[in-house]
C-alpha cells in the first residue's frame, strides 16, 4: 500500500512490458502462452526438454520452473517465468536471450 506499493506495481508493470517486448524481439512469441500477467508460460513440450532448459537457465542464475506432465497434458510442458517488481531490466533481457539461444540449439 501507499507510496511503496505504487512504486512496486509500477516496476512490475514495466517489467511485464519489457518481457513481452523482448519475447517478440527474440522471436519467442510462438512459445509463449498469451498473458498479460506476471506469471508467463513458455510452452516447450516434452518433460526431458523442459527439465534440460530449466537446468541450463538455473546454471545461469535464473529460477525458471519446469511445469511437467502429468501436471499439464503431455506435449504442453512448459517453463514458468514469475516476474517481480525487483527484477532488473538486464535480468529480463539476459534470461530471454539465453532461452532463445537454447531453443535454437535444440
C-alpha atoms as a PDB file:
ATOM      1  CA  UNK A   1       0.000   0.000   0.000  1.00  0.00           C
ATOM      2  CA  UNK A   2       0.949   3.613  -0.176  1.00  0.00           C
ATOM      3  CA  UNK A   3       3.928   5.044  -1.985  1.00  0.00           C
ATOM      4  CA  UNK A   4       5.995   1.848  -1.819  1.00  0.00           C
ATOM      5  CA  UNK A   5       3.158  -0.278  -3.186  1.00  0.00           C
ATOM      6  CA  UNK A   6       2.505   2.150  -6.000  1.00  0.00           C
ATOM      7  CA  UNK A   7       6.194   2.153  -6.961  1.00  0.00           C
ATOM      8  CA  UNK A   8       6.355  -1.656  -6.824  1.00  0.00           C
ATOM      9  CA  UNK A   9       3.274  -2.025  -9.022  1.00  0.00           C
ATOM     10  CA  UNK A  10       4.770   0.441 -11.498  1.00  0.00           C
ATOM     11  CA  UNK A  11       8.031  -1.530 -11.613  1.00  0.00           C
ATOM     12  CA  UNK A  12       6.159  -4.787 -12.087  1.00  0.00           C
ATOM     13  CA  UNK A  13       4.106  -3.400 -14.983  1.00  0.00           C
ATOM     14  CA  UNK A  14       7.288  -2.042 -16.576  1.00  0.00           C
ATOM     15  CA  UNK A  15       8.925  -5.476 -16.242  1.00  0.00           C
ATOM     16  CA  UNK A  16       5.906  -7.210 -17.790  1.00  0.00           C
ATOM     17  CA  UNK A  17       6.016  -4.798 -20.741  1.00  0.00           C
ATOM     18  CA  UNK A  18       9.762  -5.352 -21.196  1.00  0.00           C
ATOM     19  CA  UNK A  19       9.328  -9.135 -21.024  1.00  0.00           C
ATOM     20  CA  UNK A  20       6.576  -9.024 -23.652  1.00  0.00           C
ATOM     21  CA  UNK A  21       8.624  -6.765 -25.913  1.00  0.00           C
ATOM     22  CA  UNK A  22      11.755  -8.936 -25.654  1.00  0.00           C
ATOM     23  CA  UNK A  23       9.747 -12.082 -26.366  1.00  0.00           C
ATOM     24  CA  UNK A  24       8.620 -10.501 -29.644  1.00  0.00           C
ATOM     25  CA  UNK A  25      12.070  -9.134 -30.499  1.00  0.00           C
ATOM     26  CA  UNK A  26      13.718 -12.524 -29.967  1.00  0.00           C
ATOM     27  CA  UNK A  27      11.116 -14.474 -31.927  1.00  0.00           C
ATOM     28  CA  UNK A  28       9.827 -16.354 -28.890  1.00  0.00           C
ATOM     29  CA  UNK A  29       6.152 -15.476 -29.329  1.00  0.00           C
ATOM     30  CA  UNK A  30       5.305 -18.891 -30.775  1.00  0.00           C
ATOM     31  CA  UNK A  31       6.332 -20.497 -27.463  1.00  0.00           C
ATOM     32  CA  UNK A  32       4.658 -18.087 -25.040  1.00  0.00           C
ATOM     33  CA  UNK A  33       1.098 -18.606 -23.943  1.00  0.00           C
ATOM     34  CA  UNK A  34      -0.922 -15.389 -24.224  1.00  0.00           C
ATOM     35  CA  UNK A  35      -0.986 -13.474 -20.947  1.00  0.00           C
ATOM     36  CA  UNK A  36      -0.612 -10.000 -19.533  1.00  0.00           C
ATOM     37  CA  UNK A  37       0.115 -11.203 -16.018  1.00  0.00           C
ATOM     38  CA  UNK A  38       3.367 -11.512 -14.078  1.00  0.00           C
ATOM     39  CA  UNK A  39       3.440 -15.303 -14.489  1.00  0.00           C
ATOM     40  CA  UNK A  40       4.273 -16.286 -18.051  1.00  0.00           C
ATOM     41  CA  UNK A  41       4.448 -19.773 -19.532  1.00  0.00           C
ATOM     42  CA  UNK A  42       6.761 -20.794 -22.328  1.00  0.00           C
ATOM     43  CA  UNK A  43       5.319 -23.978 -23.831  1.00  0.00           C
ATOM     44  CA  UNK A  44       8.143 -26.233 -24.982  1.00  0.00           C
ATOM     45  CA  UNK A  45       6.764 -29.770 -24.917  1.00  0.00           C
ATOM     46  CA  UNK A  46       8.457 -32.846 -23.502  1.00  0.00           C
ATOM     47  CA  UNK A  47       9.420 -33.392 -19.876  1.00  0.00           C
ATOM     48  CA  UNK A  48      13.048 -34.118 -20.745  1.00  0.00           C
ATOM     49  CA  UNK A  49      13.454 -30.990 -22.864  1.00  0.00           C
ATOM     50  CA  UNK A  50      11.749 -28.708 -20.339  1.00  0.00           C
ATOM     51  CA  UNK A  51      13.867 -30.111 -17.489  1.00  0.00           C
ATOM     52  CA  UNK A  52      17.016 -29.584 -19.546  1.00  0.00           C
ATOM     53  CA  UNK A  53      16.158 -25.974 -20.401  1.00  0.00           C
ATOM     54  CA  UNK A  54      15.224 -25.215 -16.799  1.00  0.00           C
ATOM     55  CA  UNK A  55      18.529 -26.697 -15.642  1.00  0.00           C
ATOM     56  CA  UNK A  56      20.517 -24.577 -18.089  1.00  0.00           C
ATOM     57  CA  UNK A  57      18.695 -21.420 -17.003  1.00  0.00           C
ATOM     58  CA  UNK A  58      19.307 -22.329 -13.353  1.00  0.00           C
ATOM     59  CA  UNK A  59      23.043 -22.710 -14.078  1.00  0.00           C
ATOM     60  CA  UNK A  60      22.956 -19.167 -15.468  1.00  0.00           C
ATOM     61  CA  UNK A  61      21.378 -17.962 -12.203  1.00  0.00           C
ATOM     62  CA  UNK A  62      17.682 -17.892 -13.146  1.00  0.00           C
ATOM     63  CA  UNK A  63      14.979 -19.758 -11.242  1.00  0.00           C
ATOM     64  CA  UNK A  64      12.648 -20.692 -14.098  1.00  0.00           C
ATOM     65  CA  UNK A  65      10.434 -23.571 -13.025  1.00  0.00           C
ATOM     66  CA  UNK A  66       9.668 -26.576 -15.237  1.00  0.00           C
ATOM     67  CA  UNK A  67       5.974 -27.491 -15.391  1.00  0.00           C
ATOM     68  CA  UNK A  68       5.821 -31.129 -16.417  1.00  0.00           C
ATOM     69  CA  UNK A  69       3.213 -33.707 -17.326  1.00  0.00           C
ATOM     70  CA  UNK A  70       1.084 -35.018 -15.727  1.00  0.00           C
ATOM     71  CA  UNK A  71       0.636 -31.570 -14.108  1.00  0.00           C
ATOM     72  CA  UNK A  72      -0.073 -30.333 -17.637  1.00  0.00           C
ATOM     73  CA  UNK A  73      -1.176 -32.514 -20.565  1.00  0.00           C
ATOM     74  CA  UNK A  74       1.576 -34.385 -22.392  1.00  0.00           C
ATOM     75  CA  UNK A  75       3.045 -32.179 -25.109  1.00  0.00           C
ATOM     76  CA  UNK A  76       2.111 -28.967 -23.238  1.00  0.00           C
ATOM     77  CA  UNK A  77       5.031 -28.990 -20.799  1.00  0.00           C
ATOM     78  CA  UNK A  78       6.387 -25.509 -20.183  1.00  0.00           C
ATOM     79  CA  UNK A  79       8.748 -23.185 -18.372  1.00  0.00           C
ATOM     80  CA  UNK A  80       7.156 -20.832 -15.845  1.00  0.00           C
ATOM     81  CA  UNK A  81       8.585 -17.326 -15.574  1.00  0.00           C
ATOM     82  CA  UNK A  82       7.490 -15.390 -12.490  1.00  0.00           C
ATOM     83  CA  UNK A  83       8.200 -11.697 -12.898  1.00  0.00           C
ATOM     84  CA  UNK A  84       8.628  -9.443  -9.877  1.00  0.00           C
ATOM     85  CA  UNK A  85       8.939  -5.733  -9.256  1.00  0.00           C
ATOM     86  CA  UNK A  86      12.557  -6.225  -8.193  1.00  0.00           C
ATOM     87  CA  UNK A  87      13.712  -7.942 -11.415  1.00  0.00           C
ATOM     88  CA  UNK A  88      16.212  -5.764 -13.245  1.00  0.00           C
ATOM     89  CA  UNK A  89      15.958  -4.910 -16.910  1.00  0.00           C
ATOM     90  CA  UNK A  90      19.262  -6.697 -17.538  1.00  0.00           C
ATOM     91  CA  UNK A  91      17.969  -9.879 -15.850  1.00  0.00           C
ATOM     92  CA  UNK A  92      14.892  -9.952 -18.060  1.00  0.00           C
ATOM     93  CA  UNK A  93      16.925  -9.304 -21.197  1.00  0.00           C
ATOM     94  CA  UNK A  94      19.544 -11.912 -20.336  1.00  0.00           C
ATOM     95  CA  UNK A  95      17.215 -14.759 -19.337  1.00  0.00           C
ATOM     96  CA  UNK A  96      15.246 -14.390 -22.566  1.00  0.00           C
ATOM     97  CA  UNK A  97      18.411 -14.135 -24.667  1.00  0.00           C
ATOM     98  CA  UNK A  98      19.706 -17.346 -23.086  1.00  0.00           C
ATOM     99  CA  UNK A  99      16.353 -19.044 -23.671  1.00  0.00           C
ATOM    100  CA  UNK A 100      16.323 -18.015 -27.337  1.00  0.00           C
ATOM    101  CA  UNK A 101      19.856 -19.359 -27.789  1.00  0.00           C
ATOM    102  CA  UNK A 102      18.993 -22.658 -26.097  1.00  0.00           C
ATOM    103  CA  UNK A 103      15.854 -23.139 -28.182  1.00  0.00           C
ATOM    104  CA  UNK A 104      17.833 -22.604 -31.390  1.00  0.00           C
ATOM    105  CA  UNK A 105      20.341 -25.253 -30.285  1.00  0.00           C
ATOM    106  CA  UNK A 106      17.644 -27.840 -29.596  1.00  0.00           C
END
